Amino acid sequence: MINSEKENKVINLFKKRKTMTVLELSKLMGCSVPTIRKRLTNWQVYTSYNKNCRYYVMPEIPEFNEKGLWNYKGIRFSRFGTLKQTVIQLIKTSENGLSAAEIGALVGLNPRSFMRQFRDLAEIQREKIEGKYVYFSAIKTKYTIQKEKRETAISKKSLHLPSDSEATLILVDIIKHPDTTIKEIVRRLRRKKIAVNEKIIINLLDFHKITLKKTPDINL
């Protein structure tokens, strides 16, 4: 029988250390591993999805990022629970699907060590794009949006388009100066330390089917 005073002391130490294993907690509490596992359930702890799921953390300790992930000294935790649950959630909520490499970068693990289990799951689907598998949500409406955004990103890359932030600045400049030329846009943006060239602006205009009112004076 573990008295409440001892349990509170162990909990405080657990919070101070941030992460601990079952064996460490068992020694501190002076009880069996099965008893500690019951306590962990009662405490609603998070379990690490790496390090063989050996580490635990009290629910109020993790500082999860916008993806619901927390890394503490190489020990990784997820708001969604297991690695499998986490990867499924990351795929389903991604803007344009995720490749194995992108998933690995997010969770901090080599994708070769775990991606095989995601080949045939009802919640997600995968398809080969440019020679690599990309994973999407299995929900049709979400899949369509993700796939379109993935294809758009690929098109932008092949066309050498500006970044989203640069594109916004270019379009805003055109709105402010409707009778401008491309050379004038380049000059104004470079004064603002935005390094764009004429070819990139032309690609952006072509991509969005925008025609300047004034015939641009360009020398490509």
N, C-alpha and C. Protein backbone atom coordinates (compact mmCIF):
# COMPACT_ATOMS: atom_id res chain seq x y z
N MET A 1 0.85 -1.20 0.00
CA MET A 1 0.00 0.00 0.00
C MET A 1 0.88 1.25 0.00
N ILE A 2 0.65 2.13 -0.93
CA ILE A 2 1.44 3.35 -1.01
C ILE A 2 0.64 4.49 -0.40
N ASN A 3 1.22 5.16 0.58
CA ASN A 3 0.48 6.27 1.19
C ASN A 3 0.55 7.50 0.30
N SER A 4 -0.43 8.36 0.47
CA SER A 4 -0.57 9.53 -0.43
C SER A 4 0.60 10.50 -0.29
N GLU A 5 1.18 10.61 0.90
CA GLU A 5 2.30 11.53 1.10
C GLU A 5 3.50 11.10 0.26
N LYS A 6 3.78 9.80 0.28
CA LYS A 6 4.92 9.29 -0.49
C LYS A 6 4.66 9.45 -1.99
N GLU A 7 3.42 9.17 -2.39
CA GLU A 7 3.08 9.30 -3.81
C GLU A 7 3.23 10.74 -4.28
N ASN A 8 2.82 11.69 -3.46
CA ASN A 8 2.95 13.11 -3.82
C ASN A 8 4.42 13.52 -3.96
N LYS A 9 5.28 12.98 -3.07
CA LYS A 9 6.71 13.29 -3.14
C LYS A 9 7.30 12.76 -4.45
N VAL A 10 6.90 11.53 -4.81
CA VAL A 10 7.40 10.94 -6.05
C VAL A 10 6.90 11.73 -7.26
N ILE A 11 5.65 12.14 -7.23
CA ILE A 11 5.09 12.92 -8.33
C ILE A 11 5.84 14.24 -8.50
N ASN A 12 6.14 14.91 -7.39
CA ASN A 12 6.88 16.18 -7.45
C ASN A 12 8.27 15.97 -8.04
N LEU A 13 8.93 14.87 -7.64
CA LEU A 13 10.25 14.57 -8.18
C LEU A 13 10.15 14.23 -9.66
N PHE A 14 9.12 13.50 -10.01
CA PHE A 14 8.85 13.13 -11.40
C PHE A 14 8.71 14.39 -12.25
N LYS A 15 7.96 15.35 -11.76
CA LYS A 15 7.77 16.59 -12.50
C LYS A 15 9.07 17.38 -12.62
N LYS A 16 9.86 17.34 -11.57
CA LYS A 16 11.13 18.07 -11.57
C LYS A 16 12.10 17.48 -12.58
N ARG A 17 12.16 16.15 -12.63
CA ARG A 17 13.05 15.48 -13.58
C ARG A 17 12.48 15.49 -15.00
N LYS A 18 11.21 15.73 -15.12
CA LYS A 18 10.48 15.80 -16.38
C LYS A 18 10.19 14.42 -16.97
N THR A 19 11.20 13.61 -17.20
CA THR A 19 10.94 12.28 -17.74
C THR A 19 11.55 11.21 -16.85
N MET A 20 10.85 10.07 -16.75
CA MET A 20 11.35 8.94 -15.96
C MET A 20 10.85 7.64 -16.57
N THR A 21 11.51 6.54 -16.18
CA THR A 21 11.11 5.21 -16.65
C THR A 21 10.30 4.51 -15.56
N VAL A 22 9.68 3.40 -15.94
CA VAL A 22 8.91 2.61 -14.98
C VAL A 22 9.82 2.10 -13.86
N LEU A 23 10.99 1.62 -14.20
CA LEU A 23 11.90 1.09 -13.19
C LEU A 23 12.33 2.16 -12.20
N GLU A 24 12.62 3.35 -12.71
CA GLU A 24 13.01 4.46 -11.82
C GLU A 24 11.88 4.79 -10.86
N LEU A 25 10.66 4.86 -11.35
CA LEU A 25 9.51 5.17 -10.51
C LEU A 25 9.22 4.04 -9.53
N SER A 26 9.42 2.81 -9.98
CA SER A 26 9.19 1.66 -9.11
C SER A 26 10.10 1.68 -7.90
N LYS A 27 11.36 2.03 -8.14
CA LYS A 27 12.34 2.10 -7.03
C LYS A 27 11.97 3.22 -6.07
N LEU A 28 11.59 4.36 -6.61
CA LEU A 28 11.24 5.50 -5.76
C LEU A 28 10.00 5.21 -4.91
N MET A 29 9.04 4.56 -5.51
CA MET A 29 7.79 4.27 -4.80
C MET A 29 7.89 3.04 -3.92
N GLY A 30 8.90 2.20 -4.20
CA GLY A 30 9.05 0.98 -3.43
C GLY A 30 7.93 -0.01 -3.69
N CYS A 31 7.54 -0.13 -4.94
CA CYS A 31 6.45 -1.04 -5.30
C CYS A 31 6.78 -1.75 -6.61
N SER A 32 5.92 -2.64 -7.01
CA SER A 32 6.15 -3.44 -8.22
C SER A 32 5.90 -2.62 -9.49
N VAL A 33 6.43 -3.13 -10.59
CA VAL A 33 6.22 -2.49 -11.89
C VAL A 33 4.73 -2.45 -12.27
N PRO A 34 3.99 -3.57 -12.09
CA PRO A 34 2.55 -3.52 -12.41
C PRO A 34 1.81 -2.43 -11.63
N THR A 35 2.19 -2.24 -10.35
CA THR A 35 1.55 -1.19 -9.54
C THR A 35 1.85 0.19 -10.12
N ILE A 36 3.10 0.40 -10.53
CA ILE A 36 3.48 1.69 -11.11
C ILE A 36 2.72 1.93 -12.41
N ARG A 37 2.57 0.88 -13.21
CA ARG A 37 1.85 1.05 -14.48
C ARG A 37 0.41 1.50 -14.24
N LYS A 38 -0.20 0.99 -13.18
CA LYS A 38 -1.55 1.43 -12.83
C LYS A 38 -1.56 2.89 -12.44
N ARG A 39 -0.51 3.29 -11.68
CA ARG A 39 -0.40 4.69 -11.28
C ARG A 39 -0.22 5.59 -12.50
N LEU A 40 0.60 5.14 -13.44
CA LEU A 40 0.84 5.93 -14.64
C LEU A 40 -0.47 6.17 -15.41
N THR A 41 -1.31 5.15 -15.44
CA THR A 41 -2.61 5.30 -16.07
C THR A 41 -3.45 6.34 -15.34
N ASN A 42 -3.43 6.27 -14.03
CA ASN A 42 -4.19 7.23 -13.21
C ASN A 42 -3.66 8.66 -13.39
N TRP A 43 -2.35 8.78 -13.55
CA TRP A 43 -1.74 10.11 -13.71
C TRP A 43 -1.92 10.65 -15.12
N GLN A 44 -2.39 9.83 -16.04
CA GLN A 44 -2.62 10.22 -17.44
C GLN A 44 -1.36 10.74 -18.12
N VAL A 45 -0.27 10.01 -17.91
CA VAL A 45 1.02 10.42 -18.45
C VAL A 45 1.08 10.24 -19.97
N TYR A 46 2.07 10.92 -20.57
CA TYR A 46 2.39 10.68 -21.97
C TYR A 46 3.55 9.69 -22.02
N THR A 47 3.54 8.83 -23.03
CA THR A 47 4.61 7.85 -23.23
C THR A 47 5.44 8.27 -24.43
N SER A 48 6.76 8.14 -24.32
CA SER A 48 7.62 8.51 -25.45
C SER A 48 7.35 7.60 -26.64
N TYR A 49 7.42 8.17 -27.85
CA TYR A 49 7.22 7.33 -29.03
C TYR A 49 8.54 6.84 -29.60
N ASN A 50 9.66 7.24 -29.00
CA ASN A 50 10.96 6.66 -29.35
C ASN A 50 11.58 6.07 -28.09
N LYS A 51 12.84 5.67 -28.15
CA LYS A 51 13.53 5.07 -26.99
C LYS A 51 12.76 3.85 -26.46
N ASN A 52 12.18 3.07 -27.39
CA ASN A 52 11.41 1.87 -27.03
C ASN A 52 10.24 2.16 -26.10
N CYS A 53 9.71 3.38 -26.18
CA CYS A 53 8.54 3.79 -25.37
C CYS A 53 8.79 3.61 -23.88
N ARG A 54 10.02 3.83 -23.45
CA ARG A 54 10.41 3.58 -22.07
C ARG A 54 10.14 4.76 -21.15
N TYR A 55 10.03 5.95 -21.72
CA TYR A 55 9.97 7.15 -20.87
C TYR A 55 8.54 7.70 -20.76
N TYR A 56 8.30 8.33 -19.62
CA TYR A 56 6.98 8.89 -19.34
C TYR A 56 7.14 10.32 -18.85
N VAL A 57 6.07 11.09 -19.02
CA VAL A 57 6.09 12.48 -18.56
C VAL A 57 4.68 12.83 -18.08
N MET A 58 4.60 13.61 -17.02
CA MET A 58 3.30 14.05 -16.50
C MET A 58 2.63 14.97 -17.52
N PRO A 59 1.31 14.95 -17.60
CA PRO A 59 0.59 15.65 -18.69
C PRO A 59 0.82 17.16 -18.76
N GLU A 60 1.14 17.80 -17.62
CA GLU A 60 1.31 19.25 -17.64
C GLU A 60 2.72 19.70 -18.00
N ILE A 61 3.64 18.77 -18.20
CA ILE A 61 5.04 19.11 -18.42
C ILE A 61 5.39 19.42 -19.88
N PRO A 62 4.96 18.63 -20.85
CA PRO A 62 5.39 18.87 -22.24
C PRO A 62 5.00 20.25 -22.77
N GLU A 63 5.91 20.83 -23.53
CA GLU A 63 5.63 22.09 -24.23
C GLU A 63 5.51 21.75 -25.72
N PHE A 64 4.34 21.26 -26.08
CA PHE A 64 4.13 20.79 -27.44
C PHE A 64 4.20 21.95 -28.44
N ASN A 65 4.80 21.68 -29.60
CA ASN A 65 4.82 22.68 -30.66
C ASN A 65 3.52 22.67 -31.44
N GLU A 66 3.46 23.44 -32.53
CA GLU A 66 2.21 23.56 -33.28
C GLU A 66 1.79 22.24 -33.92
N LYS A 67 2.73 21.30 -34.04
CA LYS A 67 2.40 19.99 -34.59
C LYS A 67 2.00 18.99 -33.51
N GLY A 68 2.04 19.43 -32.24
CA GLY A 68 1.69 18.53 -31.14
C GLY A 68 2.84 17.65 -30.71
N LEU A 69 4.09 18.08 -30.97
CA LEU A 69 5.27 17.28 -30.66
C LEU A 69 6.16 18.00 -29.64
N TRP A 70 6.86 17.20 -28.84
CA TRP A 70 7.78 17.75 -27.84
C TRP A 70 9.01 16.87 -27.76
N ASN A 71 10.18 17.51 -27.83
CA ASN A 71 11.45 16.80 -27.76
C ASN A 71 12.21 17.26 -26.52
N TYR A 72 12.49 16.32 -25.62
CA TYR A 72 13.24 16.66 -24.41
C TYR A 72 14.47 15.78 -24.33
N LYS A 73 15.63 16.39 -24.60
CA LYS A 73 16.91 15.68 -24.55
C LYS A 73 16.89 14.41 -25.41
N GLY A 74 16.27 14.52 -26.58
CA GLY A 74 16.24 13.39 -27.49
C GLY A 74 15.12 12.40 -27.23
N ILE A 75 14.35 12.63 -26.17
CA ILE A 75 13.19 11.80 -25.87
C ILE A 75 11.98 12.51 -26.44
N ARG A 76 11.23 11.82 -27.29
CA ARG A 76 10.17 12.48 -28.05
C ARG A 76 8.78 12.02 -27.62
N PHE A 77 7.90 13.01 -27.48
CA PHE A 77 6.52 12.76 -27.06
C PHE A 77 5.56 13.43 -28.04
N SER A 78 4.36 12.90 -28.09
CA SER A 78 3.33 13.45 -28.97
C SER A 78 2.02 13.62 -28.22
N ARG A 79 1.35 14.71 -28.51
CA ARG A 79 0.02 14.95 -27.94
C ARG A 79 -0.96 13.87 -28.38
N PHE A 80 -0.66 13.20 -29.49
CA PHE A 80 -1.58 12.21 -30.05
C PHE A 80 -1.32 10.79 -29.58
N GLY A 81 -0.25 10.59 -28.80
CA GLY A 81 0.01 9.26 -28.25
C GLY A 81 1.13 8.53 -28.95
N THR A 82 0.82 7.40 -29.56
CA THR A 82 1.84 6.56 -30.18
C THR A 82 2.39 7.17 -31.46
N LEU A 83 3.49 6.61 -31.94
CA LEU A 83 4.07 7.07 -33.20
C LEU A 83 3.08 6.87 -34.34
N LYS A 84 2.41 5.74 -34.35
CA LYS A 84 1.43 5.45 -35.40
C LYS A 84 0.31 6.49 -35.41
N GLN A 85 -0.26 6.77 -34.25
CA GLN A 85 -1.33 7.76 -34.15
C GLN A 85 -0.83 9.14 -34.57
N THR A 86 0.41 9.43 -34.19
CA THR A 86 1.00 10.73 -34.49
C THR A 86 1.18 10.93 -35.98
N VAL A 87 1.77 9.94 -36.65
CA VAL A 87 2.01 10.06 -38.09
C VAL A 87 0.70 10.17 -38.85
N ILE A 88 -0.29 9.39 -38.47
CA ILE A 88 -1.60 9.47 -39.13
C ILE A 88 -2.18 10.88 -38.99
N GLN A 89 -2.08 11.44 -37.79
CA GLN A 89 -2.60 12.78 -37.55
C GLN A 89 -1.84 13.83 -38.35
N LEU A 90 -0.52 13.71 -38.42
CA LEU A 90 0.29 14.65 -39.18
C LEU A 90 -0.07 14.61 -40.66
N ILE A 91 -0.30 13.41 -41.18
CA ILE A 91 -0.67 13.27 -42.59
C ILE A 91 -2.04 13.88 -42.85
N LYS A 92 -3.00 13.55 -42.00
CA LYS A 92 -4.37 14.01 -42.20
C LYS A 92 -4.51 15.52 -42.10
N THR A 93 -3.68 16.16 -41.28
CA THR A 93 -3.78 17.62 -41.09
C THR A 93 -2.77 18.41 -41.92
N SER A 94 -1.95 17.73 -42.71
CA SER A 94 -0.96 18.44 -43.52
C SER A 94 -1.63 19.21 -44.65
N GLU A 95 -0.97 20.24 -45.13
CA GLU A 95 -1.53 21.07 -46.20
C GLU A 95 -1.50 20.36 -47.54
N ASN A 96 -0.40 19.68 -47.84
CA ASN A 96 -0.26 19.06 -49.16
C ASN A 96 0.29 17.65 -49.09
N GLY A 97 -0.12 16.91 -48.04
CA GLY A 97 0.38 15.56 -47.89
C GLY A 97 1.81 15.57 -47.39
N LEU A 98 2.35 14.40 -47.10
CA LEU A 98 3.72 14.32 -46.59
C LEU A 98 4.44 13.13 -47.21
N SER A 99 5.68 13.36 -47.59
CA SER A 99 6.52 12.25 -48.04
C SER A 99 7.12 11.58 -46.82
N ALA A 100 7.72 10.42 -47.01
CA ALA A 100 8.35 9.72 -45.89
C ALA A 100 9.46 10.58 -45.28
N ALA A 101 10.23 11.25 -46.13
CA ALA A 101 11.31 12.10 -45.63
C ALA A 101 10.77 13.26 -44.80
N GLU A 102 9.66 13.86 -45.25
CA GLU A 102 9.05 14.97 -44.52
C GLU A 102 8.50 14.50 -43.18
N ILE A 103 7.91 13.30 -43.15
CA ILE A 103 7.41 12.74 -41.90
C ILE A 103 8.57 12.49 -40.95
N GLY A 104 9.64 11.90 -41.46
CA GLY A 104 10.81 11.63 -40.63
C GLY A 104 11.39 12.89 -40.02
N ALA A 105 11.43 13.96 -40.81
CA ALA A 105 11.95 15.23 -40.31
C ALA A 105 11.08 15.79 -39.19
N LEU A 106 9.76 15.63 -39.31
CA LEU A 106 8.85 16.15 -38.29
C LEU A 106 8.98 15.39 -36.97
N VAL A 107 9.02 14.06 -37.05
CA VAL A 107 9.04 13.26 -35.82
C VAL A 107 10.45 12.99 -35.31
N GLY A 108 11.45 13.37 -36.10
CA GLY A 108 12.83 13.22 -35.66
C GLY A 108 13.35 11.80 -35.69
N LEU A 109 12.84 10.99 -36.62
CA LEU A 109 13.26 9.59 -36.71
C LEU A 109 13.55 9.24 -38.17
N ASN A 110 14.36 8.21 -38.37
CA ASN A 110 14.63 7.72 -39.71
C ASN A 110 13.37 7.04 -40.23
N PRO A 111 12.78 7.53 -41.32
CA PRO A 111 11.52 6.95 -41.80
C PRO A 111 11.63 5.48 -42.17
N ARG A 112 12.82 5.02 -42.53
CA ARG A 112 12.98 3.61 -42.88
C ARG A 112 12.68 2.69 -41.71
N SER A 113 12.78 3.23 -40.51
CA SER A 113 12.59 2.39 -39.33
C SER A 113 11.13 2.18 -38.95
N PHE A 114 10.21 2.95 -39.58
CA PHE A 114 8.82 2.83 -39.15
C PHE A 114 7.77 3.00 -40.24
N MET A 115 8.13 3.47 -41.43
CA MET A 115 7.11 3.80 -42.44
C MET A 115 6.43 2.58 -43.07
N ARG A 116 7.01 1.40 -42.94
CA ARG A 116 6.41 0.22 -43.55
C ARG A 116 4.99 -0.04 -43.05
N GLN A 117 4.74 0.30 -41.79
CA GLN A 117 3.41 0.03 -41.19
C GLN A 117 2.31 0.95 -41.74
N PHE A 118 2.67 1.92 -42.57
CA PHE A 118 1.68 2.87 -43.09
C PHE A 118 1.29 2.60 -44.54
N ARG A 119 1.59 1.41 -45.01
CA ARG A 119 1.28 1.08 -46.40
C ARG A 119 -0.21 0.87 -46.63
N ASP A 120 -0.87 0.22 -45.71
CA ASP A 120 -2.27 -0.17 -45.93
C ASP A 120 -3.13 0.17 -44.72
N LEU A 121 -3.34 1.45 -44.50
CA LEU A 121 -4.19 1.90 -43.39
C LEU A 121 -5.42 2.60 -43.95
N ALA A 122 -6.56 2.38 -43.30
CA ALA A 122 -7.81 2.95 -43.81
C ALA A 122 -7.83 4.47 -43.73
N GLU A 123 -7.12 5.05 -42.75
CA GLU A 123 -7.20 6.50 -42.52
C GLU A 123 -6.41 7.32 -43.54
N ILE A 124 -5.42 6.68 -44.20
CA ILE A 124 -4.56 7.42 -45.12
C ILE A 124 -4.39 6.64 -46.42
N GLN A 125 -3.87 7.32 -47.44
CA GLN A 125 -3.56 6.67 -48.70
C GLN A 125 -2.25 7.24 -49.23
N ARG A 126 -1.59 6.49 -50.06
CA ARG A 126 -0.32 6.97 -50.61
C ARG A 126 -0.30 6.76 -52.12
N GLU A 127 0.47 7.59 -52.78
CA GLU A 127 0.67 7.43 -54.21
C GLU A 127 2.01 8.00 -54.60
N LYS A 128 2.57 7.48 -55.68
CA LYS A 128 3.89 7.90 -56.11
C LYS A 128 3.80 9.19 -56.90
N ILE A 129 4.60 10.16 -56.49
CA ILE A 129 4.69 11.45 -57.18
C ILE A 129 6.16 11.77 -57.37
N GLU A 130 6.56 11.92 -58.62
CA GLU A 130 7.96 12.18 -58.96
C GLU A 130 8.88 11.13 -58.36
N GLY A 131 8.43 9.89 -58.40
CA GLY A 131 9.28 8.78 -57.95
C GLY A 131 9.28 8.50 -56.46
N LYS A 132 8.52 9.29 -55.69
CA LYS A 132 8.49 9.08 -54.24
C LYS A 132 7.05 8.96 -53.76
N TYR A 133 6.84 8.12 -52.74
CA TYR A 133 5.49 8.00 -52.19
C TYR A 133 5.16 9.23 -51.34
N VAL A 134 3.95 9.73 -51.56
CA VAL A 134 3.43 10.83 -50.75
C VAL A 134 2.15 10.32 -50.09
N TYR A 135 2.01 10.62 -48.81
CA TYR A 135 0.88 10.14 -48.03
C TYR A 135 -0.15 11.25 -47.84
N PHE A 136 -1.42 10.90 -48.10
CA PHE A 136 -2.52 11.86 -48.01
C PHE A 136 -3.62 11.31 -47.11
N SER A 137 -4.53 12.19 -46.73
CA SER A 137 -5.72 11.77 -46.01
C SER A 137 -6.58 10.89 -46.92
N ALA A 138 -7.27 9.92 -46.33
CA ALA A 138 -8.15 9.04 -47.10
C ALA A 138 -9.52 9.69 -47.32
N ILE A 139 -9.78 10.79 -46.61
CA ILE A 139 -11.05 11.50 -46.82
C ILE A 139 -10.98 12.21 -48.18
N LYS A 140 -11.94 11.94 -49.04
CA LYS A 140 -11.86 12.38 -50.43
C LYS A 140 -11.69 13.88 -50.59
N THR A 141 -12.49 14.66 -49.86
CA THR A 141 -12.40 16.12 -50.00
C THR A 141 -11.04 16.64 -49.54
N LYS A 142 -10.56 16.09 -48.43
CA LYS A 142 -9.26 16.51 -47.91
C LYS A 142 -8.14 16.07 -48.85
N TYR A 143 -8.24 14.85 -49.34
CA TYR A 143 -7.24 14.33 -50.28
C TYR A 143 -7.14 15.23 -51.52
N THR A 144 -8.27 15.64 -52.06
CA THR A 144 -8.28 16.47 -53.26
C THR A 144 -7.55 17.79 -53.03
N ILE A 145 -7.81 18.40 -51.89
CA ILE A 145 -7.16 19.66 -51.56
C ILE A 145 -5.65 19.47 -51.39
N GLN A 146 -5.28 18.42 -50.64
CA GLN A 146 -3.86 18.14 -50.42
C GLN A 146 -3.14 17.87 -51.73
N LYS A 147 -3.75 17.05 -52.58
CA LYS A 147 -3.12 16.68 -53.85
C LYS A 147 -2.94 17.91 -54.74
N GLU A 148 -3.95 18.76 -54.82
CA GLU A 148 -3.85 19.96 -55.64
C GLU A 148 -2.74 20.88 -55.15
N LYS A 149 -2.63 21.02 -53.84
CA LYS A 149 -1.58 21.88 -53.28
C LYS A 149 -0.20 21.28 -53.52
N ARG A 150 -0.09 19.97 -53.46
CA ARG A 150 1.18 19.31 -53.74
C ARG A 150 1.58 19.55 -55.19
N GLU A 151 0.63 19.40 -56.11
CA GLU A 151 0.92 19.60 -57.52
C GLU A 151 1.27 21.05 -57.82
N THR A 152 0.59 21.98 -57.12
CA THR A 152 0.90 23.40 -57.31
C THR A 152 2.31 23.71 -56.84
N ALA A 153 2.69 23.14 -55.70
CA ALA A 153 4.03 23.36 -55.15
C ALA A 153 5.09 22.83 -56.11
N ILE A 154 4.82 21.67 -56.72
CA ILE A 154 5.75 21.09 -57.68
C ILE A 154 5.87 21.99 -58.91
N SER A 155 4.73 22.51 -59.37
CA SER A 155 4.73 23.40 -60.53
C SER A 155 5.52 24.66 -60.25
N LYS A 156 5.32 25.22 -59.07
CA LYS A 156 6.05 26.44 -58.70
C LYS A 156 7.55 26.19 -58.69
N LYS A 157 7.93 25.04 -58.17
CA LYS A 157 9.36 24.71 -58.08
C LYS A 157 9.96 24.58 -59.47
N SER A 158 9.22 23.90 -60.38
CA SER A 158 9.74 23.70 -61.73
C SER A 158 9.78 25.00 -62.53
N LEU A 159 8.89 25.93 -62.20
CA LEU A 159 8.83 27.20 -62.91
C LEU A 159 9.75 28.26 -62.31
N HIS A 160 10.42 27.92 -61.22
CA HIS A 160 11.28 28.88 -60.52
C HIS A 160 10.49 30.11 -60.09
N LEU A 161 9.39 29.85 -59.40
CA LEU A 161 8.56 30.94 -58.90
C LEU A 161 9.12 31.48 -57.59
N PRO A 162 8.75 32.71 -57.22
CA PRO A 162 9.21 33.27 -55.94
C PRO A 162 8.54 32.56 -54.78
N SER A 163 9.08 32.78 -53.59
CA SER A 163 8.45 32.23 -52.39
C SER A 163 7.11 32.90 -52.17
N ASP A 164 6.30 32.33 -51.30
CA ASP A 164 4.98 32.91 -51.04
C ASP A 164 5.08 34.34 -50.55
N SER A 165 6.05 34.61 -49.66
CA SER A 165 6.20 35.97 -49.13
C SER A 165 6.64 36.94 -50.22
N GLU A 166 7.56 36.50 -51.08
CA GLU A 166 8.01 37.35 -52.19
C GLU A 166 6.88 37.59 -53.18
N ALA A 167 6.11 36.52 -53.46
CA ALA A 167 4.99 36.66 -54.39
C ALA A 167 3.98 37.68 -53.87
N THR A 168 3.72 37.64 -52.57
CA THR A 168 2.79 38.60 -51.97
C THR A 168 3.28 40.03 -52.16
N LEU A 169 4.56 40.25 -51.91
CA LEU A 169 5.13 41.60 -52.07
C LEU A 169 5.07 42.07 -53.52
N ILE A 170 5.32 41.15 -54.45
CA ILE A 170 5.26 41.50 -55.87
C ILE A 170 3.84 41.90 -56.26
N LEU A 171 2.88 41.11 -55.86
CA LEU A 171 1.48 41.38 -56.22
C LEU A 171 0.97 42.66 -55.56
N VAL A 172 1.38 42.90 -54.33
CA VAL A 172 1.00 44.13 -53.65
C VAL A 172 1.58 45.34 -54.38
N ASP A 173 2.84 45.21 -54.82
CA ASP A 173 3.48 46.30 -55.56
C ASP A 173 2.72 46.59 -56.86
N ILE A 174 2.27 45.56 -57.53
CA ILE A 174 1.52 45.74 -58.79
C ILE A 174 0.19 46.43 -58.53
N ILE A 175 -0.46 46.06 -57.43
CA ILE A 175 -1.73 46.70 -57.07
C ILE A 175 -1.53 48.19 -56.79
N LYS A 176 -0.43 48.51 -56.10
CA LYS A 176 -0.14 49.91 -55.77
C LYS A 176 0.29 50.69 -57.00
N HIS A 177 0.92 50.01 -57.96
CA HIS A 177 1.43 50.69 -59.16
C HIS A 177 0.91 49.95 -60.40
N PRO A 178 -0.35 50.12 -60.74
CA PRO A 178 -0.98 49.35 -61.83
C PRO A 178 -0.38 49.61 -63.21
N ASP A 179 0.27 50.75 -63.40
CA ASP A 179 0.86 51.05 -64.71
C ASP A 179 2.36 50.82 -64.74
N THR A 180 2.82 49.93 -63.89
CA THR A 180 4.26 49.72 -63.73
C THR A 180 4.82 48.81 -64.81
N THR A 181 6.15 48.73 -64.85
CA THR A 181 6.84 47.73 -65.67
C THR A 181 7.55 46.76 -64.73
N ILE A 182 7.99 45.67 -65.28
CA ILE A 182 8.68 44.66 -64.46
C ILE A 182 9.99 45.23 -63.92
N LYS A 183 10.71 46.00 -64.75
CA LYS A 183 11.96 46.60 -64.29
C LYS A 183 11.72 47.50 -63.08
N GLU A 184 10.62 48.25 -63.12
CA GLU A 184 10.30 49.15 -62.01
C GLU A 184 9.96 48.36 -60.74
N ILE A 185 9.26 47.23 -60.91
CA ILE A 185 8.94 46.39 -59.75
C ILE A 185 10.23 45.89 -59.10
N VAL A 186 11.15 45.42 -59.94
CA VAL A 186 12.44 44.92 -59.42
C VAL A 186 13.16 46.01 -58.65
N ARG A 187 13.21 47.22 -59.21
CA ARG A 187 13.92 48.32 -58.54
C ARG A 187 13.30 48.65 -57.19
N ARG A 188 11.97 48.74 -57.17
CA ARG A 188 11.29 49.09 -55.90
C ARG A 188 11.51 48.01 -54.83
N LEU A 189 11.42 46.74 -55.22
CA LEU A 189 11.58 45.66 -54.25
C LEU A 189 13.02 45.55 -53.77
N ARG A 190 13.95 45.81 -54.67
CA ARG A 190 15.36 45.73 -54.25
C ARG A 190 15.72 46.85 -53.27
N ARG A 191 15.03 47.98 -53.40
CA ARG A 191 15.23 49.05 -52.41
C ARG A 191 14.75 48.60 -51.03
N LYS A 192 13.83 47.63 -51.02
CA LYS A 192 13.33 47.07 -49.76
C LYS A 192 14.09 45.81 -49.35
N LYS A 193 15.24 45.58 -50.02
CA LYS A 193 16.10 44.42 -49.73
C LYS A 193 15.44 43.09 -50.12
N ILE A 194 14.53 43.13 -51.11
CA ILE A 194 13.89 41.91 -51.62
C ILE A 194 14.58 41.57 -52.94
N ALA A 195 15.38 40.50 -52.92
CA ALA A 195 16.20 40.15 -54.09
C ALA A 195 15.41 39.29 -55.07
N VAL A 196 14.66 39.94 -55.96
CA VAL A 196 13.95 39.24 -57.03
C VAL A 196 14.47 39.73 -58.37
N ASN A 197 14.31 38.90 -59.39
CA ASN A 197 14.74 39.33 -60.72
C ASN A 197 13.56 39.33 -61.68
N GLU A 198 13.78 39.81 -62.87
CA GLU A 198 12.71 39.97 -63.84
C GLU A 198 12.10 38.63 -64.25
N LYS A 199 12.95 37.62 -64.43
CA LYS A 199 12.46 36.32 -64.88
C LYS A 199 11.48 35.70 -63.87
N ILE A 200 11.80 35.82 -62.59
CA ILE A 200 10.92 35.27 -61.55
C ILE A 200 9.56 35.98 -61.56
N ILE A 201 9.59 37.30 -61.76
CA ILE A 201 8.33 38.05 -61.80
C ILE A 201 7.51 37.65 -63.02
N ILE A 202 8.17 37.46 -64.14
CA ILE A 202 7.47 37.02 -65.36
C ILE A 202 6.83 35.65 -65.12
N ASN A 203 7.57 34.75 -64.50
CA ASN A 203 7.03 33.41 -64.21
C ASN A 203 5.80 33.50 -63.31
N LEU A 204 5.87 34.40 -62.31
CA LEU A 204 4.74 34.57 -61.39
C LEU A 204 3.51 35.11 -62.13
N LEU A 205 3.74 36.10 -62.97
CA LEU A 205 2.62 36.68 -63.73
C LEU A 205 2.00 35.65 -64.68
N ASP A 206 2.86 34.86 -65.34
CA ASP A 206 2.36 33.83 -66.24
C ASP A 206 1.58 32.77 -65.48
N PHE A 207 2.10 32.41 -64.31
CA PHE A 207 1.46 31.35 -63.50
C PHE A 207 0.05 31.76 -63.09
N HIS A 208 -0.10 33.06 -62.73
CA HIS A 208 -1.40 33.56 -62.29
C HIS A 208 -2.19 34.21 -63.43
N LYS A 209 -1.63 34.15 -64.66
CA LYS A 209 -2.30 34.72 -65.84
C LYS A 209 -2.62 36.20 -65.65
N ILE A 210 -1.59 36.93 -65.16
CA ILE A 210 -1.73 38.36 -64.93
C ILE A 210 -0.99 39.10 -66.04
N THR A 211 -1.63 40.12 -66.59
CA THR A 211 -1.00 40.93 -67.64
C THR A 211 -0.89 42.36 -67.13
N LEU A 212 0.31 42.91 -67.20
CA LEU A 212 0.50 44.29 -66.78
C LEU A 212 -0.15 45.22 -67.81
N LYS A 213 -0.71 46.33 -67.32
CA LYS A 213 -1.38 47.29 -68.21
C LYS A 213 -0.40 47.91 -69.18
N LYS A 214 0.81 48.17 -68.67
CA LYS A 214 1.83 48.82 -69.49
C LYS A 214 2.77 47.76 -70.05
N THR A 215 3.10 47.80 -71.30
CA THR A 215 4.00 46.82 -71.89
C THR A 215 5.34 46.88 -71.20
N PRO A 216 5.77 45.79 -70.59
CA PRO A 216 7.04 45.81 -69.85
C PRO A 216 8.24 45.94 -70.77
N ASP A 217 9.20 46.70 -70.30
CA ASP A 217 10.45 46.89 -71.03
C ASP A 217 11.47 45.96 -70.43
N ILE A 218 11.64 44.78 -71.03
CA ILE A 218 12.54 43.80 -70.43
C ILE A 218 13.53 43.28 -71.46
N ASN A 219 14.65 42.89 -71.00
CA ASN A 219 15.69 42.33 -71.84
C ASN A 219 16.14 41.02 -71.22
N LEU A 220 15.58 39.90 -71.68
CA LEU A 220 15.86 38.58 -71.08
C LEU A 220 17.08 37.96 -71.72
